[in-house]
Amino acid sequence: MRCLAVCQTDLVIRMLDEILLPSFEVDFIVESKPLARRLHDAGMNVTAADPKRTDTYLKADVTPGTCVIVEDTGLRNLKKVLEAIRDAGGTLVYVLGVGIRDFRKREEELKAQFPENNYLALSELFGGPLLTEFSRSLTRLRVQQYQRFFHDADRVLILTHNDPDPDALASALALRNVLRRTKQTAIIAAIEGVTRPENLRMLNLLDIHIEIIRPEQVSEFERVAMVDVQPHYFRGLIDRVDLVIDHHPEQPGYSAVFKDIRPDYGSTSTILTEHLRAVDANISERTATAMLYAIKSDTLFFNRQANRVDIDAFSYLYPLADAALIRKMEGAEITMDRLEYVLKAKQNGRMTEQVFCAFLGASPREDFIPYVADFYLQLEDVKWTIISGIVNDSLIMSVRNLGYSRNAGEFVRKYFSDIGSAGGHRAMAKAVVPLRAFKEKFGNLQADGLTDMVLKLALEFLHEHQPTDKKLVAKA
């Protein structure tokens, strides 16, 4: 395809020549004869002519199929140039803004007169890729720093949260890869082991081994890393950490030698994908499969807390992963035990103003609670779900919403952070509160009373700063 570039800046001309060749046959029109001679001597197809004259483009054989790029530096004669191109029959015109501070305003002005033309800002075209490269370079520097710090350690601990989910498991596996460690020299561990059926299946299919350790054993390791979790989660049981990689909001009250916390990311596996790519690490099929499954799981296949970087990571990992294995892991999602708790929530739940609350009572496993919260968010007319249950000596609360109303993390922090661990994202959050502390603040509530109290708090929270005419519609 033929391209005609009308430019006056040496740097822009050389840049376009480098980018467009060999995909396009490129000719340049410049007004300055000395510039034309320099470019011609450099081997470019260039003509010195008046860009404001129609015959300039007639001589250049401009047709409706010729791609014409016009440099815009803010000079007033641009409109005359565009009129000359139009009069010569040029219709496929791109205006390239160079050094235009308010290019949106400039674009509007030109569109008013030349609605068929396209406007591109060099700062946008150049800025996006440049920022991406800078970001990757910074990530590479960060990764190389913690690689060196961990290099000489004989024993490394990669610690996840209790009952680790796919994102924690995959991130731990990926970090071991980044650190160039084996399962003998970098232990993946949790204080409480894996219980969820789909996660157990993931461990078995991908041959991932998780050690169960006690908090006092952490001091036996020379270096300690945490993935998908931060030290506050352990309530003071673990007082040292060297590296934290997490996608949950950053929590205060601890120090680490290295941190990479990105709460706008949908999964910790997305962060680790960037780490692996930044140092050009070889990603095995097993690791890619684990990370791809983790991104799907933590974002509900991009339906929750996901953005462009998660999609980029997914696209990169997809050809490296085993899709058949992922389908097998996903097959364990629904179990009879989980359905039993879904039914309990139906029997004991309350729904008001599109908020569904339920208390499940004592539960042998924590994963039943977020599963029920996710399940009921799928129902028509439900915008928030708040599901509570008792696991051991703690009240566990999972909060989910559709992501465009008030922040779920803010809700749990407001009412429960003073008596337990509470936090999360806009669309999903969690609180873990010791039963004794809960009773001291709210009283010794029975099941119905607890559900009603939580529902009342939720409605109070949702009604704050909300005009009366925009409140959620009440449901019978």
Protein backbone atom coordinates (compact mmCIF):
# COMPACT_ATOMS: atom_id res chain seq x y z
CA MET A 1 0.00 0.00 0.00
CA ARG A 2 1.24 3.49 -0.84
CA CYS A 3 1.66 6.11 1.85
CA LEU A 4 2.36 9.81 1.37
CA ALA A 5 3.71 11.66 4.41
CA VAL A 6 3.58 15.46 4.50
CA CYS A 7 6.10 16.41 7.18
CA GLN A 8 8.50 19.20 8.08
CA THR A 9 10.40 17.71 11.02
CA ASP A 10 13.51 15.62 10.40
CA LEU A 11 13.00 13.38 13.44
CA VAL A 12 9.33 12.65 12.62
CA ILE A 13 10.22 11.83 9.00
CA ARG A 14 12.96 9.40 9.99
CA MET A 15 10.71 7.80 12.59
CA LEU A 16 7.88 7.28 10.08
CA ASP A 17 10.31 5.92 7.52
CA GLU A 18 11.59 3.40 10.06
CA ILE A 19 8.10 2.36 11.22
CA LEU A 20 6.21 2.24 7.91
CA LEU A 21 8.81 0.43 5.82
CA PRO A 22 8.66 -2.27 4.51
CA SER A 23 4.89 -2.60 5.05
CA PHE A 24 4.18 0.56 3.02
CA GLU A 25 5.67 2.24 -0.03
CA VAL A 26 6.44 5.63 1.53
CA ASP A 27 6.99 8.99 -0.20
CA PHE A 28 7.60 12.24 1.67
CA ILE A 29 6.68 15.82 0.80
CA VAL A 30 8.61 18.56 2.61
CA GLU A 31 8.64 22.31 2.16
CA SER A 32 12.33 22.85 2.92
CA LYS A 33 14.71 22.15 0.01
CA PRO A 34 17.79 21.67 2.26
CA LEU A 35 15.86 19.12 4.33
CA ALA A 36 14.72 17.37 1.15
CA ARG A 37 18.35 17.10 -0.02
CA ARG A 38 19.50 15.61 3.30
CA LEU A 39 16.72 13.05 3.31
CA HIS A 40 17.30 12.19 -0.34
CA ASP A 41 20.98 11.62 0.41
CA ALA A 42 19.87 9.28 3.22
CA GLY A 43 18.03 7.15 0.65
CA MET A 44 14.46 8.33 1.20
CA ASN A 45 11.86 9.09 -1.47
CA VAL A 46 11.30 12.79 -0.86
CA THR A 47 10.00 15.75 -2.83
CA ALA A 48 10.37 19.45 -1.97
CA ALA A 49 7.06 21.19 -2.72
CA ASP A 50 4.46 23.57 -1.29
CA PRO A 51 2.08 21.42 0.80
CA LYS A 52 -0.65 24.09 0.58
CA ARG A 53 -1.03 23.69 -3.22
CA THR A 54 -3.43 21.19 -4.78
CA ASP A 55 -1.15 20.53 -7.73
CA THR A 56 1.51 19.24 -5.31
CA TYR A 57 -0.73 16.26 -4.58
CA LEU A 58 -1.88 15.88 -8.16
CA LYS A 59 1.77 15.54 -9.20
CA ALA A 60 2.25 13.03 -6.36
CA ASP A 61 -0.57 10.88 -7.86
CA VAL A 62 -2.76 10.99 -4.72
CA THR A 63 -5.84 8.76 -5.08
CA PRO A 64 -8.69 7.91 -2.70
CA GLY A 65 -6.71 4.79 -1.79
CA THR A 66 -3.51 6.63 -0.86
CA CYS A 67 -2.84 6.82 2.88
CA VAL A 68 -1.83 10.43 3.57
CA ILE A 69 -0.17 11.35 6.88
CA VAL A 70 0.07 15.06 7.69
CA GLU A 71 2.29 16.30 10.50
CA ASP A 72 0.56 18.87 12.73
CA THR A 73 2.85 21.08 14.81
CA GLY A 74 0.17 23.65 15.60
CA LEU A 75 0.79 25.99 12.67
CA ARG A 76 -2.18 27.84 11.18
CA ASN A 77 -1.61 26.69 7.59
CA LEU A 78 -2.66 23.10 8.41
CA LYS A 79 -6.22 23.72 7.19
CA LYS A 80 -4.92 24.90 3.81
CA VAL A 81 -2.84 21.71 3.54
CA LEU A 82 -5.87 19.53 4.32
CA GLU A 83 -8.02 21.45 1.83
CA ALA A 84 -5.39 20.96 -0.89
CA ILE A 85 -5.27 17.21 -0.21
CA ARG A 86 -9.05 16.99 -0.29
CA ASP A 87 -9.26 18.95 -3.54
CA ALA A 88 -6.70 16.58 -5.10
CA GLY A 89 -8.90 13.57 -4.26
CA GLY A 90 -7.27 12.36 -1.05
CA THR A 91 -9.78 10.81 1.36
CA LEU A 92 -7.70 8.54 3.61
CA VAL A 93 -6.04 11.25 5.70
CA TYR A 94 -4.38 10.93 9.11
CA VAL A 95 -3.27 14.06 10.99
CA LEU A 96 -0.36 13.32 13.33
CA GLY A 97 -0.17 15.79 16.23
CA VAL A 98 3.43 16.52 17.23
CA GLY A 99 4.04 18.64 20.33
CA ILE A 100 0.38 19.62 20.61
CA ARG A 101 -0.35 20.20 24.31
CA ASP A 102 -4.16 20.04 24.11
CA PHE A 103 -4.52 17.62 21.22
CA ARG A 104 -8.15 16.78 22.09
CA LYS A 105 -9.15 20.39 21.52
CA ARG A 106 -7.11 20.49 18.32
CA GLU A 107 -8.81 17.32 17.13
CA GLU A 108 -12.27 18.81 17.75
CA GLU A 109 -11.37 21.93 15.79
CA LEU A 110 -10.18 19.94 12.78
CA LYS A 111 -13.08 17.46 12.93
CA ALA A 112 -15.52 20.35 12.68
CA GLN A 113 -14.09 21.19 9.25
CA PHE A 114 -12.75 17.83 8.13
CA PRO A 115 -14.96 15.19 9.77
CA GLU A 116 -13.65 12.43 7.47
CA ASN A 117 -10.04 12.87 8.63
CA ASN A 118 -8.46 10.91 11.48
CA TYR A 119 -6.41 12.54 14.24
CA LEU A 120 -3.54 10.78 16.03
CA ALA A 121 -1.35 12.25 18.77
CA LEU A 122 2.30 11.25 18.65
CA SER A 123 2.39 11.43 22.44
CA GLU A 124 -0.29 8.72 22.65
CA LEU A 125 1.27 6.51 19.98
CA PHE A 126 4.72 6.89 21.45
CA GLY A 127 3.68 7.14 25.11
CA GLY A 128 1.83 3.83 25.43
CA PRO A 129 4.61 1.56 24.17
CA LEU A 130 7.23 3.69 25.92
CA LEU A 131 5.45 3.43 29.27
CA THR A 132 5.03 -0.31 28.75
CA GLU A 133 8.76 -0.70 28.12
CA PHE A 134 9.67 1.51 31.10
CA SER A 135 7.29 -0.47 33.32
CA ARG A 136 8.82 -3.74 32.17
CA SER A 137 12.32 -2.39 32.81
CA LEU A 138 11.36 -1.33 36.34
CA THR A 139 9.83 -4.75 36.97
CA ARG A 140 12.99 -6.40 35.65
CA LEU A 141 15.12 -4.30 38.01
CA ARG A 142 12.86 -5.14 40.95
CA VAL A 143 12.92 -8.85 40.18
CA GLN A 144 16.68 -8.92 39.72
CA GLN A 145 17.11 -7.23 43.09
CA TYR A 146 15.11 -9.81 45.01
CA GLN A 147 16.66 -12.64 42.95
CA ARG A 148 20.10 -11.54 44.17
CA PHE A 149 18.83 -11.21 47.74
CA PHE A 150 17.47 -14.78 47.74
CA HIS A 151 20.33 -16.27 45.72
CA ASP A 152 22.67 -17.29 48.56
CA ALA A 153 20.00 -18.65 50.92
CA ASP A 154 20.13 -22.39 51.57
CA ARG A 155 16.46 -22.64 52.60
CA VAL A 156 13.67 -20.45 51.27
CA LEU A 157 10.05 -20.43 52.43
CA ILE A 158 7.26 -19.37 50.08
CA LEU A 159 4.24 -18.91 52.32
CA THR A 160 0.60 -18.67 51.25
CA HIS A 161 -2.55 -17.92 53.22
CA ASN A 162 -4.48 -20.68 54.96
CA ASP A 163 -6.35 -23.10 52.70
CA PRO A 164 -4.59 -21.68 49.63
CA ASP A 165 -6.66 -21.08 46.51
CA PRO A 166 -5.51 -21.45 42.87
CA ASP A 167 -4.01 -17.97 42.78
CA ALA A 168 -1.89 -18.57 45.88
CA LEU A 169 -0.78 -22.00 44.65
CA ALA A 170 0.08 -20.82 41.14
CA SER A 171 1.85 -17.70 42.41
CA ALA A 172 3.99 -19.78 44.76
CA LEU A 173 4.91 -22.12 41.91
CA ALA A 174 5.74 -19.15 39.67
CA LEU A 175 7.85 -17.44 42.33
CA ARG A 176 9.88 -20.60 42.81
CA ASN A 177 10.51 -20.46 39.05
CA VAL A 178 11.55 -16.79 39.22
CA LEU A 179 13.96 -17.60 42.06
CA ARG A 180 15.36 -20.51 40.01
CA ARG A 181 14.71 -22.89 42.89
CA THR A 182 13.61 -26.51 43.23
CA LYS A 183 11.05 -27.96 45.61
CA GLN A 184 13.92 -28.99 47.86
CA THR A 185 15.45 -25.50 48.16
CA ALA A 186 12.21 -23.44 48.15
CA ILE A 187 9.37 -24.90 50.20
CA ILE A 188 5.79 -23.88 49.34
CA ALA A 189 3.87 -23.95 52.61
CA ALA A 190 0.74 -22.92 54.49
CA ILE A 191 -0.19 -23.01 58.16
CA GLU A 192 -3.46 -24.72 57.25
CA GLY A 193 -3.64 -27.04 54.25
CA VAL A 194 -5.80 -27.27 51.15
CA THR A 195 -9.40 -28.47 51.62
CA ARG A 196 -11.45 -27.28 48.64
CA PRO A 197 -12.19 -30.06 46.13
CA GLU A 198 -11.11 -28.14 43.02
CA ASN A 199 -7.90 -27.01 44.73
CA LEU A 200 -7.08 -30.56 45.83
CA ARG A 201 -7.65 -31.66 42.26
CA MET A 202 -5.34 -28.89 41.07
CA LEU A 203 -2.61 -30.12 43.46
CA ASN A 204 -2.97 -33.68 42.25
CA LEU A 205 -3.13 -32.95 38.54
CA LEU A 206 -0.20 -30.52 38.59
CA ASP A 207 1.82 -32.41 41.21
CA ILE A 208 2.17 -29.42 43.55
CA HIS A 209 3.28 -30.24 47.09
CA ILE A 210 2.25 -27.98 49.97
CA GLU A 211 4.01 -28.32 53.33
CA ILE A 212 2.04 -27.68 56.51
CA ILE A 213 4.13 -25.65 58.94
CA ARG A 214 3.73 -24.04 62.35
CA PRO A 215 4.36 -20.29 62.78
CA GLU A 216 7.41 -20.94 64.95
CA GLN A 217 9.03 -22.91 62.11
CA VAL A 218 9.25 -19.81 59.91
CA SER A 219 12.42 -18.72 61.74
CA GLU A 220 14.17 -21.88 60.48
CA PHE A 221 14.30 -20.43 56.94
CA GLU A 222 16.94 -17.95 55.78
CA ARG A 223 14.54 -16.11 53.46
CA VAL A 224 10.75 -15.81 53.64
CA ALA A 225 8.43 -14.76 50.81
CA MET A 226 4.65 -14.35 50.93
CA VAL A 227 2.39 -14.60 47.88
CA ASP A 228 -1.27 -13.59 47.65
CA VAL A 229 -1.17 -12.59 51.32
CA GLN A 230 0.41 -10.02 53.65
CA PRO A 231 1.71 -10.47 57.24
CA HIS A 232 -1.30 -8.83 58.93
CA TYR A 233 -3.34 -11.90 57.88
CA PHE A 234 -1.44 -14.02 60.42
CA ARG A 235 -2.34 -11.73 63.36
CA GLY A 236 1.17 -11.28 64.68
CA LEU A 237 2.17 -14.95 64.49
CA ILE A 238 4.76 -14.22 61.80
CA ASP A 239 7.00 -11.23 62.49
CA ARG A 240 9.44 -11.30 59.57
CA VAL A 241 9.14 -11.36 55.80
CA ASP A 242 11.63 -10.56 53.05
CA LEU A 243 9.37 -10.41 49.99
CA VAL A 244 5.63 -9.78 49.61
CA ILE A 245 3.84 -10.15 46.26
CA ASP A 246 0.09 -9.59 46.45
CA HIS A 247 -2.87 -8.08 44.59
CA HIS A 248 -4.92 -7.24 47.69
CA PRO A 249 -4.92 -3.68 49.10
CA GLU A 250 -1.74 -2.91 51.01
CA GLN A 251 -2.00 -3.20 54.77
CA PRO A 252 0.07 -1.22 57.32
CA GLY A 253 1.99 -2.47 60.32
CA TYR A 254 4.81 -4.52 58.83
CA SER A 255 8.07 -4.09 56.97
CA ALA A 256 9.53 -6.14 54.15
CA VAL A 257 12.79 -5.89 52.24
CA PHE A 258 10.88 -6.07 48.93
CA LYS A 259 7.21 -5.51 48.12
CA ASP A 260 5.22 -5.69 44.92
CA ILE A 261 1.60 -4.97 45.79
CA ARG A 262 -0.82 -4.07 43.00
CA PRO A 263 -4.45 -3.89 44.19
CA ASP A 264 -5.70 -2.91 40.73
CA TYR A 265 -4.66 -6.33 39.38
CA GLY A 266 -7.19 -9.16 39.30
CA SER A 267 -4.78 -11.81 40.56
CA THR A 268 -1.33 -12.25 42.05
CA SER A 269 -0.58 -14.64 39.18
CA THR A 270 -0.83 -11.68 36.82
CA ILE A 271 1.93 -9.93 38.76
CA LEU A 272 4.10 -13.07 38.67
CA THR A 273 3.49 -13.41 34.92
CA GLU A 274 5.01 -9.96 34.50
CA HIS A 275 7.94 -10.95 36.73
CA LEU A 276 8.62 -14.07 34.65
CA ARG A 277 8.36 -12.16 31.39
CA ALA A 278 10.53 -9.30 32.63
CA VAL A 279 13.50 -11.63 33.18
CA ASP A 280 12.72 -13.78 30.13
CA ALA A 281 12.20 -16.87 32.27
CA ASN A 282 11.18 -20.12 30.65
CA ILE A 283 7.61 -20.89 31.78
CA SER A 284 6.86 -24.60 31.86
CA GLU A 285 3.52 -26.01 30.76
CA ARG A 286 2.73 -26.93 34.37
CA THR A 287 3.39 -23.41 35.69
CA ALA A 288 1.52 -21.78 32.78
CA THR A 289 -1.47 -24.08 33.36
CA ALA A 290 -1.55 -23.26 37.07
CA MET A 291 -1.33 -19.51 36.45
CA LEU A 292 -3.91 -19.49 33.66
CA TYR A 293 -6.34 -21.41 35.87
CA ALA A 294 -5.61 -19.00 38.75
CA ILE A 295 -6.35 -15.90 36.65
CA LYS A 296 -9.62 -17.45 35.44
CA SER A 297 -10.55 -18.44 38.98
CA ASP A 298 -9.70 -15.19 40.78
CA THR A 299 -11.38 -12.97 38.18
CA LEU A 300 -14.33 -15.32 37.55
CA PHE A 301 -13.09 -15.40 33.94
CA PHE A 302 -12.79 -11.58 33.84
CA ASN A 303 -16.18 -10.94 35.40
CA ARG A 304 -14.67 -9.64 38.65
CA GLN A 305 -11.79 -7.28 39.51
CA ALA A 306 -9.99 -7.67 36.19
CA ASN A 307 -8.32 -5.21 33.86
CA ARG A 308 -6.14 -5.05 30.76
CA VAL A 309 -3.04 -6.50 32.43
CA ASP A 310 -4.97 -9.64 33.47
CA ILE A 311 -6.15 -10.12 29.90
CA ASP A 312 -2.59 -9.58 28.64
CA ALA A 313 -1.27 -12.20 31.07
CA PHE A 314 -4.03 -14.62 30.10
CA SER A 315 -3.27 -14.14 26.38
CA TYR A 316 0.44 -14.74 26.97
CA LEU A 317 -0.07 -17.89 29.07
CA TYR A 318 -2.84 -19.47 26.99
CA PRO A 319 -0.66 -21.04 24.25
CA LEU A 320 1.76 -22.33 26.92
CA ALA A 321 -0.88 -24.04 29.08
CA ASP A 322 -2.76 -27.35 28.94
CA ALA A 323 -6.43 -26.47 28.39
CA ALA A 324 -7.55 -30.08 28.97
CA LEU A 325 -6.04 -30.06 32.47
CA ILE A 326 -7.83 -26.81 33.29
CA ARG A 327 -11.17 -28.37 32.29
CA LYS A 328 -10.47 -31.29 34.63
CA MET A 329 -9.69 -28.95 37.52
CA GLU A 330 -12.85 -26.96 36.93
CA GLY A 331 -14.93 -30.14 36.99
CA ALA A 332 -14.78 -30.34 40.80
CA GLU A 333 -16.52 -27.00 41.36
CA ILE A 334 -19.94 -28.31 42.46
CA THR A 335 -20.17 -30.88 45.26
CA MET A 336 -23.00 -32.22 47.43
CA ASP A 337 -21.43 -30.59 50.51
CA ARG A 338 -21.48 -27.20 48.86
CA LEU A 339 -25.06 -27.61 47.69
CA GLU A 340 -26.05 -28.38 51.27
CA TYR A 341 -24.81 -24.94 52.35
CA VAL A 342 -26.47 -23.27 49.36
CA LEU A 343 -29.76 -24.73 50.62
CA LYS A 344 -29.03 -23.56 54.18
CA ALA A 345 -28.59 -20.03 52.88
CA LYS A 346 -31.90 -20.24 51.01
CA GLN A 347 -33.72 -21.37 54.14
CA ASN A 348 -32.12 -18.85 56.51
CA GLY A 349 -31.34 -15.90 54.23
CA ARG A 350 -32.91 -12.46 53.96
CA MET A 351 -33.06 -10.18 50.93
CA THR A 352 -33.84 -6.48 51.10
CA GLU A 353 -33.04 -3.82 48.51
CA GLN A 354 -31.18 -6.37 46.36
CA VAL A 355 -28.87 -7.31 49.25
CA PHE A 356 -28.88 -11.02 50.19
CA CYS A 357 -27.62 -11.93 53.69
CA ALA A 358 -27.39 -15.36 55.26
CA PHE A 359 -25.75 -17.02 58.27
CA LEU A 360 -24.67 -20.61 57.68
CA GLY A 361 -23.89 -21.56 61.26
CA ALA A 362 -20.89 -23.76 62.03
CA SER A 363 -18.96 -24.96 59.00
CA PRO A 364 -16.17 -27.57 58.85
CA ARG A 365 -14.51 -25.68 55.98
CA GLU A 366 -14.07 -22.01 55.27
CA ASP A 367 -14.49 -22.37 51.50
CA PHE A 368 -18.24 -23.07 51.81
CA ILE A 369 -18.80 -19.43 52.81
CA PRO A 370 -17.29 -17.63 49.76
CA TYR A 371 -18.76 -20.32 47.49
CA VAL A 372 -22.28 -19.51 48.72
CA ALA A 373 -21.58 -15.77 48.38
CA ASP A 374 -20.52 -16.23 44.74
CA PHE A 375 -23.46 -18.54 44.04
CA TYR A 376 -26.17 -16.12 45.20
CA LEU A 377 -24.62 -13.16 43.40
CA GLN A 378 -25.65 -14.90 40.18
CA LEU A 379 -29.35 -14.61 41.04
CA GLU A 380 -31.54 -12.10 39.31
CA ASP A 381 -32.14 -8.92 41.37
CA VAL A 382 -29.20 -9.64 43.70
CA LYS A 383 -26.49 -6.96 43.72
CA TRP A 384 -24.80 -7.72 47.05
CA THR A 385 -24.31 -10.97 48.97
CA ILE A 386 -23.03 -11.13 52.55
CA ILE A 387 -22.59 -14.68 53.84
CA SER A 388 -21.34 -15.51 57.34
CA GLY A 389 -20.39 -18.70 59.11
CA ILE A 390 -18.39 -19.98 62.05
CA VAL A 391 -15.16 -21.86 61.43
CA ASN A 392 -13.36 -23.02 64.58
CA ASP A 393 -13.52 -20.02 66.93
CA SER A 394 -13.98 -17.27 64.34
CA LEU A 395 -16.81 -15.67 62.43
CA ILE A 396 -15.95 -15.67 58.73
CA MET A 397 -17.79 -13.22 56.45
CA SER A 398 -17.59 -13.14 52.64
CA VAL A 399 -18.94 -10.13 50.77
CA ARG A 400 -19.56 -9.94 47.03
CA ASN A 401 -21.14 -7.32 44.77
CA LEU A 402 -21.41 -6.47 41.09
CA GLY A 403 -18.54 -4.03 41.28
CA TYR A 404 -20.21 -0.76 40.35
CA SER A 405 -21.79 0.17 43.69
CA ARG A 406 -20.01 0.97 46.95
CA ASN A 407 -16.78 -0.76 47.94
CA ALA A 408 -17.08 -4.18 49.62
CA GLY A 409 -13.64 -3.80 51.22
CA GLU A 410 -14.69 -0.50 52.79
CA PHE A 411 -17.79 -2.17 54.22
CA VAL A 412 -15.95 -4.89 56.14
CA ARG A 413 -13.20 -2.51 57.26
CA LYS A 414 -15.72 -0.01 58.62
CA TYR A 415 -17.56 -2.46 60.85
CA PHE A 416 -15.08 -5.25 61.61
CA SER A 417 -11.46 -4.08 61.29
CA ASP A 418 -11.42 -2.93 64.93
CA ILE A 419 -12.15 -6.48 66.18
CA GLY A 420 -10.55 -8.70 63.55
CA SER A 421 -8.99 -8.93 60.10
CA ALA A 422 -11.05 -7.19 57.41
CA GLY A 423 -10.39 -5.97 53.89
CA GLY A 424 -10.71 -6.60 50.18
CA HIS A 425 -11.52 -5.04 46.82
CA ARG A 426 -14.52 -3.13 45.48
CA ALA A 427 -16.32 -6.30 44.36
CA MET A 428 -15.18 -8.83 46.96
CA ALA A 429 -14.09 -8.71 50.59
CA LYS A 430 -13.62 -10.82 53.68
CA ALA A 431 -13.67 -10.43 57.45
CA VAL A 432 -12.30 -12.87 60.02
CA VAL A 433 -13.38 -12.00 63.56
CA PRO A 434 -12.77 -14.01 66.76
CA LEU A 435 -16.14 -15.01 68.19
CA ARG A 436 -15.34 -13.51 71.57
CA ALA A 437 -14.53 -10.12 70.04
CA PHE A 438 -17.66 -10.26 67.89
CA LYS A 439 -19.88 -10.97 70.91
CA GLU A 440 -18.26 -8.18 72.92
CA LYS A 441 -19.12 -5.64 70.21
CA PHE A 442 -22.49 -6.90 68.93
CA GLY A 443 -23.81 -9.13 71.72
CA ASN A 444 -24.56 -12.85 71.81
CA LEU A 445 -26.80 -12.93 68.73
CA GLN A 446 -28.71 -15.99 67.60
CA ALA A 447 -28.72 -16.97 63.91
CA ASP A 448 -31.69 -14.82 62.83
CA GLY A 449 -30.49 -11.89 64.91
CA LEU A 450 -27.03 -12.03 63.37
CA THR A 451 -28.44 -12.07 59.82
CA ASP A 452 -30.73 -9.13 60.58
CA MET A 453 -27.90 -7.17 62.19
CA VAL A 454 -25.52 -7.67 59.23
CA LEU A 455 -28.28 -6.77 56.77
CA LYS A 456 -28.99 -3.60 58.74
CA LEU A 457 -25.30 -2.62 58.66
CA ALA A 458 -25.15 -3.29 54.91
CA LEU A 459 -28.16 -1.10 54.15
CA GLU A 460 -26.83 1.64 56.40
CA PHE A 461 -23.53 1.51 54.53
CA LEU A 462 -25.17 1.53 51.08
CA HIS A 463 -27.45 4.44 51.95
CA GLU A 464 -24.57 6.68 53.07
CA HIS A 465 -23.86 9.57 50.65
CA GLN A 466 -26.60 8.29 48.36
CA PRO A 467 -29.46 10.54 47.13
CA THR A 468 -32.89 9.29 48.05
CA ASP A 469 -34.00 8.85 44.44
CA LYS A 470 -30.98 6.63 43.71
CA LYS A 471 -31.38 4.17 46.57
CA LEU A 472 -31.73 0.52 45.68
CA VAL A 473 -35.25 -0.56 44.90
CA ALA A 474 -36.76 -2.50 47.80
CA LYS A 475 -37.75 -6.11 47.17
CA ALA A 476 -40.57 -7.85 48.90
